[in-house]
PDB file of N, CA and C in Angstrom:
ATOM      1  N   MET A   1      18.126  -0.648   3.225  1.00  0.00           N
ATOM      2  CA  MET A   1      16.936  -0.997   2.484  1.00  0.00           C
ATOM      3  C   MET A   1      17.310  -1.105   1.009  1.00  0.00           C
ATOM      4  N   GLN A   2      16.924  -2.204   0.400  1.00  0.00           N
ATOM      5  CA  GLN A   2      17.283  -2.467  -0.988  1.00  0.00           C
ATOM      6  C   GLN A   2      16.411  -1.674  -1.965  1.00  0.00           C
ATOM      7  N   HIS A   3      15.159  -1.431  -1.631  1.00  0.00           N
ATOM      8  CA  HIS A   3      14.219  -0.765  -2.529  1.00  0.00           C
ATOM      9  C   HIS A   3      13.854   0.617  -1.990  1.00  0.00           C
ATOM     10  N   ALA A   4      13.800   1.589  -2.889  1.00  0.00           N
ATOM     11  CA  ALA A   4      13.341   2.923  -2.506  1.00  0.00           C
ATOM     12  C   ALA A   4      11.817   2.928  -2.493  1.00  0.00           C
ATOM     13  N   ILE A   5      11.245   3.797  -1.666  1.00  0.00           N
ATOM     14  CA  ILE A   5       9.788   3.926  -1.632  1.00  0.00           C
ATOM     15  C   ILE A   5       9.334   4.527  -2.960  1.00  0.00           C
ATOM     16  N   PRO A   6       8.425   3.862  -3.650  1.00  0.00           N
ATOM     17  CA  PRO A   6       7.976   4.358  -4.952  1.00  0.00           C
ATOM     18  C   PRO A   6       7.220   5.674  -4.821  1.00  0.00           C
ATOM     19  N   ARG A   7       7.398   6.548  -5.818  1.00  0.00           N
ATOM     20  CA  ARG A   7       6.757   7.856  -5.793  1.00  0.00           C
ATOM     21  C   ARG A   7       5.764   8.035  -6.939  1.00  0.00           C
ATOM     22  N   SER A   8       5.573   7.006  -7.738  1.00  0.00           N
ATOM     23  CA  SER A   8       4.614   7.090  -8.839  1.00  0.00           C
ATOM     24  C   SER A   8       3.941   5.728  -9.000  1.00  0.00           C
ATOM     25  N   PRO A   9       2.776   5.715  -9.645  1.00  0.00           N
ATOM     26  CA  PRO A   9       2.113   4.421  -9.891  1.00  0.00           C
ATOM     27  C   PRO A   9       2.998   3.475 -10.709  1.00  0.00           C
ATOM     28  N   GLU A  10       3.776   4.033 -11.624  1.00  0.00           N
ATOM     29  CA  GLU A  10       4.665   3.206 -12.437  1.00  0.00           C
ATOM     30  C   GLU A  10       5.746   2.545 -11.576  1.00  0.00           C
ATOM     31  N   GLU A  11       6.268   3.285 -10.607  1.00  0.00           N
ATOM     32  CA  GLU A  11       7.277   2.717  -9.713  1.00  0.00           C
ATOM     33  C   GLU A  11       6.677   1.633  -8.817  1.00  0.00           C
ATOM     34  N   VAL A  12       5.437   1.828  -8.396  1.00  0.00           N
ATOM     35  CA  VAL A  12       4.763   0.784  -7.610  1.00  0.00           C
ATOM     36  C   VAL A  12       4.625  -0.468  -8.465  1.00  0.00           C
ATOM     37  N   SER A  13       4.159  -0.309  -9.695  1.00  0.00           N
ATOM     38  CA  SER A  13       3.989  -1.456 -10.605  1.00  0.00           C
ATOM     39  C   SER A  13       5.310  -2.150 -10.880  1.00  0.00           C
ATOM     40  N   ALA A  14       6.385  -1.401 -10.950  1.00  0.00           N
ATOM     41  CA  ALA A  14       7.707  -1.977 -11.238  1.00  0.00           C
ATOM     42  C   ALA A  14       8.168  -2.926 -10.129  1.00  0.00           C
ATOM     43  N   LEU A  15       7.618  -2.787  -8.936  1.00  0.00           N
ATOM     44  CA  LEU A  15       8.006  -3.670  -7.835  1.00  0.00           C
ATOM     45  C   LEU A  15       7.603  -5.124  -8.097  1.00  0.00           C
ATOM     46  N   ARG A  16       6.684  -5.331  -9.025  1.00  0.00           N
ATOM     47  CA  ARG A  16       6.211  -6.687  -9.330  1.00  0.00           C
ATOM     48  C   ARG A  16       7.313  -7.591  -9.862  1.00  0.00           C
ATOM     49  N   ARG A  17       8.359  -7.019 -10.373  1.00  0.00           N
ATOM     50  CA  ARG A  17       9.421  -7.848 -10.966  1.00  0.00           C
ATOM     51  C   ARG A  17      10.351  -8.449  -9.911  1.00  0.00           C
ATOM     52  N   PHE A  18      10.196  -8.050  -8.653  1.00  0.00           N
ATOM     53  CA  PHE A  18      11.046  -8.563  -7.579  1.00  0.00           C
ATOM     54  C   PHE A  18      10.322  -9.660  -6.805  1.00  0.00           C
ATOM     55  N   PRO A  19      11.073 -10.579  -6.222  1.00  0.00           N
ATOM     56  CA  PRO A  19      10.448 -11.595  -5.369  1.00  0.00           C
ATOM     57  C   PRO A  19       9.801 -10.930  -4.149  1.00  0.00           C
ATOM     58  N   VAL A  20       8.681 -11.469  -3.733  1.00  0.00           N
ATOM     59  CA  VAL A  20       7.966 -10.915  -2.586  1.00  0.00           C
ATOM     60  C   VAL A  20       8.772 -11.166  -1.315  1.00  0.00           C
ATOM     61  N   SER A  21       8.894 -10.111  -0.517  1.00  0.00           N
ATOM     62  CA  SER A  21       9.571 -10.191   0.776  1.00  0.00           C
ATOM     63  C   SER A  21       8.896  -9.206   1.719  1.00  0.00           C
ATOM     64  N   GLU A  22       9.229  -9.295   2.986  1.00  0.00           N
ATOM     65  CA  GLU A  22       8.679  -8.344   3.949  1.00  0.00           C
ATOM     66  C   GLU A  22       9.060  -6.918   3.583  1.00  0.00           C
ATOM     67  N   GLU A  23      10.317  -6.732   3.185  1.00  0.00           N
ATOM     68  CA  GLU A  23      10.774  -5.390   2.810  1.00  0.00           C
ATOM     69  C   GLU A  23      10.001  -4.865   1.603  1.00  0.00           C
ATOM     70  N   LEU A  24       9.818  -5.709   0.605  1.00  0.00           N
ATOM     71  CA  LEU A  24       9.096  -5.290  -0.593  1.00  0.00           C
ATOM     72  C   LEU A  24       7.660  -4.898  -0.257  1.00  0.00           C
ATOM     73  N   LEU A  25       7.003  -5.673   0.593  1.00  0.00           N
ATOM     74  CA  LEU A  25       5.636  -5.332   1.003  1.00  0.00           C
ATOM     75  C   LEU A  25       5.599  -3.996   1.740  1.00  0.00           C
ATOM     76  N   ALA A  26       6.551  -3.781   2.641  1.00  0.00           N
ATOM     77  CA  ALA A  26       6.593  -2.527   3.386  1.00  0.00           C
ATOM     78  C   ALA A  26       6.816  -1.344   2.453  1.00  0.00           C
ATOM     79  N   VAL A  27       7.707  -1.495   1.493  1.00  0.00           N
ATOM     80  CA  VAL A  27       7.990  -0.433   0.528  1.00  0.00           C
ATOM     81  C   VAL A  27       6.763  -0.151  -0.331  1.00  0.00           C
ATOM     82  N   ALA A  28       6.096  -1.208  -0.781  1.00  0.00           N
ATOM     83  CA  ALA A  28       4.901  -1.034  -1.614  1.00  0.00           C
ATOM     84  C   ALA A  28       3.788  -0.333  -0.841  1.00  0.00           C
ATOM     85  N   ILE A  29       3.568  -0.729   0.397  1.00  0.00           N
ATOM     86  CA  ILE A  29       2.528  -0.093   1.217  1.00  0.00           C
ATOM     87  C   ILE A  29       2.869   1.369   1.456  1.00  0.00           C
ATOM     88  N   ALA A  30       4.118   1.656   1.793  1.00  0.00           N
ATOM     89  CA  ALA A  30       4.530   3.049   1.999  1.00  0.00           C
ATOM     90  C   ALA A  30       4.329   3.863   0.730  1.00  0.00           C
ATOM     91  N   GLY A  31       4.634   3.275  -0.416  1.00  0.00           N
ATOM     92  CA  GLY A  31       4.449   3.964  -1.678  1.00  0.00           C
ATOM     93  C   GLY A  31       2.988   4.264  -1.975  1.00  0.00           C
ATOM     94  N   VAL A  32       2.126   3.285  -1.749  1.00  0.00           N
ATOM     95  CA  VAL A  32       0.690   3.474  -2.006  1.00  0.00           C
ATOM     96  C   VAL A  32       0.115   4.530  -1.070  1.00  0.00           C
ATOM     97  N   VAL A  33       0.489   4.492   0.195  1.00  0.00           N
ATOM     98  CA  VAL A  33      -0.008   5.494   1.146  1.00  0.00           C
ATOM     99  C   VAL A  33       0.494   6.878   0.749  1.00  0.00           C
ATOM    100  N   GLY A  34       1.765   6.989   0.401  1.00  0.00           N
ATOM    101  CA  GLY A  34       2.317   8.273  -0.020  1.00  0.00           C
ATOM    102  C   GLY A  34       1.635   8.814  -1.258  1.00  0.00           C
ATOM    103  N   LEU A  35       1.401   7.948  -2.243  1.00  0.00           N
ATOM    104  CA  LEU A  35       0.713   8.372  -3.463  1.00  0.00           C
ATOM    105  C   LEU A  35      -0.695   8.862  -3.148  1.00  0.00           C
ATOM    106  N   ALA A  36      -1.405   8.122  -2.309  1.00  0.00           N
ATOM    107  CA  ALA A  36      -2.769   8.516  -1.952  1.00  0.00           C
ATOM    108  C   ALA A  36      -2.779   9.890  -1.292  1.00  0.00           C
ATOM    109  N   LYS A  37      -1.852  10.118  -0.392  1.00  0.00           N
ATOM    110  CA  LYS A  37      -1.782  11.423   0.288  1.00  0.00           C
ATOM    111  C   LYS A  37      -1.456  12.542  -0.695  1.00  0.00           C
ATOM    112  N   ARG A  38      -0.489  12.306  -1.576  1.00  0.00           N
ATOM    113  CA  ARG A  38      -0.116  13.347  -2.548  1.00  0.00           C
ATOM    114  C   ARG A  38      -1.245  13.646  -3.528  1.00  0.00           C
ATOM    115  N   GLN A  39      -2.080  12.666  -3.801  1.00  0.00           N
ATOM    116  CA  GLN A  39      -3.193  12.863  -4.723  1.00  0.00           C
ATOM    117  C   GLN A  39      -4.431  13.405  -4.026  1.00  0.00           C
ATOM    118  N   GLY A  40      -4.319  13.683  -2.724  1.00  0.00           N
ATOM    119  CA  GLY A  40      -5.435  14.253  -1.983  1.00  0.00           C
ATOM    120  C   GLY A  40      -6.498  13.248  -1.586  1.00  0.00           C
ATOM    121  N   GLN A  41      -6.168  11.991  -1.673  1.00  0.00           N
ATOM    122  CA  GLN A  41      -7.117  10.952  -1.294  1.00  0.00           C
ATOM    123  C   GLN A  41      -7.206  10.891   0.229  1.00  0.00           C
ATOM    124  N   SER A  42      -8.380  10.611   0.741  1.00  0.00           N
ATOM    125  CA  SER A  42      -8.550  10.503   2.193  1.00  0.00           C
ATOM    126  C   SER A  42      -8.226   9.081   2.643  1.00  0.00           C
ATOM    127  N   LEU A  43      -7.979   8.945   3.937  1.00  0.00           N
ATOM    128  CA  LEU A  43      -7.756   7.624   4.506  1.00  0.00           C
ATOM    129  C   LEU A  43      -8.987   6.753   4.302  1.00  0.00           C
ATOM    130  N   GLU A  44     -10.155   7.347   4.417  1.00  0.00           N
ATOM    131  CA  GLU A  44     -11.397   6.591   4.217  1.00  0.00           C
ATOM    132  C   GLU A  44     -11.494   6.062   2.788  1.00  0.00           C
ATOM    133  N   ASP A  45     -11.098   6.883   1.810  1.00  0.00           N
ATOM    134  CA  ASP A  45     -11.111   6.439   0.407  1.00  0.00           C
ATOM    135  C   ASP A  45     -10.150   5.266   0.191  1.00  0.00           C
ATOM    136  N   LEU A  46      -8.955   5.402   0.722  1.00  0.00           N
ATOM    137  CA  LEU A  46      -7.960   4.346   0.560  1.00  0.00           C
ATOM    138  C   LEU A  46      -8.417   3.070   1.265  1.00  0.00           C
ATOM    139  N   SER A  47      -8.974   3.218   2.453  1.00  0.00           N
ATOM    140  CA  SER A  47      -9.488   2.047   3.182  1.00  0.00           C
ATOM    141  C   SER A  47     -10.600   1.360   2.408  1.00  0.00           C
ATOM    142  N   ALA A  48     -11.469   2.142   1.790  1.00  0.00           N
ATOM    143  CA  ALA A  48     -12.550   1.557   0.998  1.00  0.00           C
ATOM    144  C   ALA A  48     -11.995   0.758  -0.178  1.00  0.00           C
ATOM    145  N   GLU A  49     -10.946   1.261  -0.801  1.00  0.00           N
ATOM    146  CA  GLU A  49     -10.319   0.528  -1.904  1.00  0.00           C
ATOM    147  C   GLU A  49      -9.729  -0.789  -1.417  1.00  0.00           C
ATOM    148  N   VAL A  50      -9.079  -0.751  -0.272  1.00  0.00           N
ATOM    149  CA  VAL A  50      -8.470  -1.954   0.286  1.00  0.00           C
ATOM    150  C   VAL A  50      -9.549  -2.977   0.644  1.00  0.00           C
ATOM    151  N   MET A  51     -10.648  -2.512   1.174  1.00  0.00           N
ATOM    152  CA  MET A  51     -11.703  -3.415   1.630  1.00  0.00           C
ATOM    153  C   MET A  51     -12.619  -3.890   0.503  1.00  0.00           C
ATOM    154  N   ALA A  52     -12.478  -3.340  -0.686  1.00  0.00           N
ATOM    155  CA  ALA A  52     -13.314  -3.757  -1.815  1.00  0.00           C
ATOM    156  C   ALA A  52     -13.039  -5.226  -2.148  1.00  0.00           C
ATOM    157  N   GLU A  53     -14.084  -5.931  -2.477  1.00  0.00           N
ATOM    158  CA  GLU A  53     -13.951  -7.346  -2.844  1.00  0.00           C
ATOM    159  C   GLU A  53     -13.077  -7.504  -4.080  1.00  0.00           C
ATOM    160  N   ASP A  54     -12.222  -8.490  -4.057  1.00  0.00           N
ATOM    161  CA  ASP A  54     -11.433  -8.851  -5.229  1.00  0.00           C
ATOM    162  C   ASP A  54     -11.043 -10.315  -5.112  1.00  0.00           C
ATOM    163  N   ALA A  55     -10.426 -10.833  -6.123  1.00  0.00           N
ATOM    164  CA  ALA A  55     -10.043 -12.242  -6.127  1.00  0.00           C
ATOM    165  C   ALA A  55      -8.668 -12.476  -5.496  1.00  0.00           C
ATOM    166  N   LEU A  56      -7.961 -11.390  -5.146  1.00  0.00           N
ATOM    167  CA  LEU A  56      -6.603 -11.553  -4.625  1.00  0.00           C
ATOM    168  C   LEU A  56      -6.555 -11.842  -3.129  1.00  0.00           C
ATOM    169  N   LEU A  57      -7.386 -11.164  -2.353  1.00  0.00           N
ATOM    170  CA  LEU A  57      -7.340 -11.277  -0.902  1.00  0.00           C
ATOM    171  C   LEU A  57      -8.682 -11.735  -0.357  1.00  0.00           C
ATOM    172  N   ASP A  58      -8.638 -12.517   0.710  1.00  0.00           N
ATOM    173  CA  ASP A  58      -9.887 -12.855   1.385  1.00  0.00           C
ATOM    174  C   ASP A  58     -10.177 -11.777   2.431  1.00  0.00           C
ATOM    175  N   GLY A  59     -11.279 -11.873   3.118  1.00  0.00           N
ATOM    176  CA  GLY A  59     -11.693 -10.857   4.079  1.00  0.00           C
ATOM    177  C   GLY A  59     -10.691 -10.640   5.207  1.00  0.00           C
ATOM    178  N   VAL A  60     -10.136 -11.724   5.721  1.00  0.00           N
ATOM    179  CA  VAL A  60      -9.156 -11.624   6.808  1.00  0.00           C
ATOM    180  C   VAL A  60      -7.915 -10.884   6.326  1.00  0.00           C
ATOM    181  N   GLN A  61      -7.456 -11.218   5.138  1.00  0.00           N
ATOM    182  CA  GLN A  61      -6.275 -10.556   4.587  1.00  0.00           C
ATOM    183  C   GLN A  61      -6.544  -9.081   4.318  1.00  0.00           C
ATOM    184  N   ARG A  62      -7.732  -8.737   3.847  1.00  0.00           N
ATOM    185  CA  ARG A  62      -8.066  -7.332   3.594  1.00  0.00           C
ATOM    186  C   ARG A  62      -8.097  -6.535   4.896  1.00  0.00           C
ATOM    187  N   ARG A  63      -8.660  -7.116   5.938  1.00  0.00           N
ATOM    188  CA  ARG A  63      -8.690  -6.416   7.243  1.00  0.00           C
ATOM    189  C   ARG A  63      -7.273  -6.223   7.784  1.00  0.00           C
ATOM    190  N   TRP A  64      -6.420  -7.245   7.629  1.00  0.00           N
ATOM    191  CA  TRP A  64      -5.025  -7.148   8.058  1.00  0.00           C
ATOM    192  C   TRP A  64      -4.316  -6.027   7.297  1.00  0.00           C
ATOM    193  N   LEU A  65      -4.521  -5.983   5.980  1.00  0.00           N
ATOM    194  CA  LEU A  65      -3.908  -4.940   5.161  1.00  0.00           C
ATOM    195  C   LEU A  65      -4.448  -3.561   5.538  1.00  0.00           C
ATOM    196  N   GLN A  66      -5.736  -3.481   5.805  1.00  0.00           N
ATOM    197  CA  GLN A  66      -6.320  -2.193   6.208  1.00  0.00           C
ATOM    198  C   GLN A  66      -5.681  -1.695   7.504  1.00  0.00           C
ATOM    199  N   GLU A  67      -5.449  -2.578   8.454  1.00  0.00           N
ATOM    200  CA  GLU A  67      -4.802  -2.188   9.715  1.00  0.00           C
ATOM    201  C   GLU A  67      -3.390  -1.660   9.468  1.00  0.00           C
ATOM    202  N   ILE A  68      -2.658  -2.304   8.594  1.00  0.00           N
ATOM    203  CA  ILE A  68      -1.306  -1.853   8.277  1.00  0.00           C
ATOM    204  C   ILE A  68      -1.353  -0.481   7.608  1.00  0.00           C
ATOM    205  N   ILE A  69      -2.306  -0.283   6.707  1.00  0.00           N
ATOM    206  CA  ILE A  69      -2.435   1.004   6.028  1.00  0.00           C
ATOM    207  C   ILE A  69      -2.812   2.098   7.015  1.00  0.00           C
ATOM    208  N   LEU A  70      -3.679   1.789   7.968  1.00  0.00           N
ATOM    209  CA  LEU A  70      -4.033   2.778   9.001  1.00  0.00           C
ATOM    210  C   LEU A  70      -2.783   3.209   9.782  1.00  0.00           C
ATOM    211  N   LYS A  71      -1.956   2.246  10.136  1.00  0.00           N
ATOM    212  CA  LYS A  71      -0.727   2.560  10.875  1.00  0.00           C
ATOM    213  C   LYS A  71       0.250   3.349  10.004  1.00  0.00           C
ATOM    214  N   ALA A  72       0.388   2.947   8.754  1.00  0.00           N
ATOM    215  CA  ALA A  72       1.298   3.653   7.840  1.00  0.00           C
ATOM    216  C   ALA A  72       0.827   5.086   7.609  1.00  0.00           C
ATOM    217  N   TRP A  73      -0.465   5.268   7.462  1.00  0.00           N
ATOM    218  CA  TRP A  73      -1.046   6.615   7.238  1.00  0.00           C
ATOM    219  C   TRP A  73      -0.673   7.538   8.404  1.00  0.00           C
ATOM    220  N   ALA A  74      -0.698   6.989   9.611  1.00  0.00           N
ATOM    221  CA  ALA A  74      -0.430   7.796  10.800  1.00  0.00           C
ATOM    222  C   ALA A  74       1.030   8.226  10.921  1.00  0.00           C
ATOM    223  N   VAL A  75       1.942   7.451  10.362  1.00  0.00           N
ATOM    224  CA  VAL A  75       3.367   7.774  10.563  1.00  0.00           C
ATOM    225  C   VAL A  75       4.075   8.332   9.336  1.00  0.00           C
ATOM    226  N   LEU A  76       3.509   8.143   8.159  1.00  0.00           N
ATOM    227  CA  LEU A  76       4.173   8.629   6.942  1.00  0.00           C
ATOM    228  C   LEU A  76       3.761  10.054   6.624  1.00  0.00           C
ATOM    229  N   PRO A  77       4.717  10.829   6.098  1.00  0.00           N
ATOM    230  CA  PRO A  77       4.378  12.231   5.754  1.00  0.00           C
ATOM    231  C   PRO A  77       3.432  12.333   4.575  1.00  0.00           C
TER     232      PRO A  77
END
């Protein structure tokens, strides 16, 4: 794996300088889930953030991302 899983919001933001790839997306998702868990955020809170309306993702993409986050939450420490 070329990228380490980010452990801080700054490390997550730093991933923006790399070209988007499957590995980068997986690392970013793992980092966000890990950060949420360490900050005491619930899965429901994180899911609500993912499902919130924004200009970046449409509804189908948000549901897809929510499913990935649910799976990541279940397997990541």
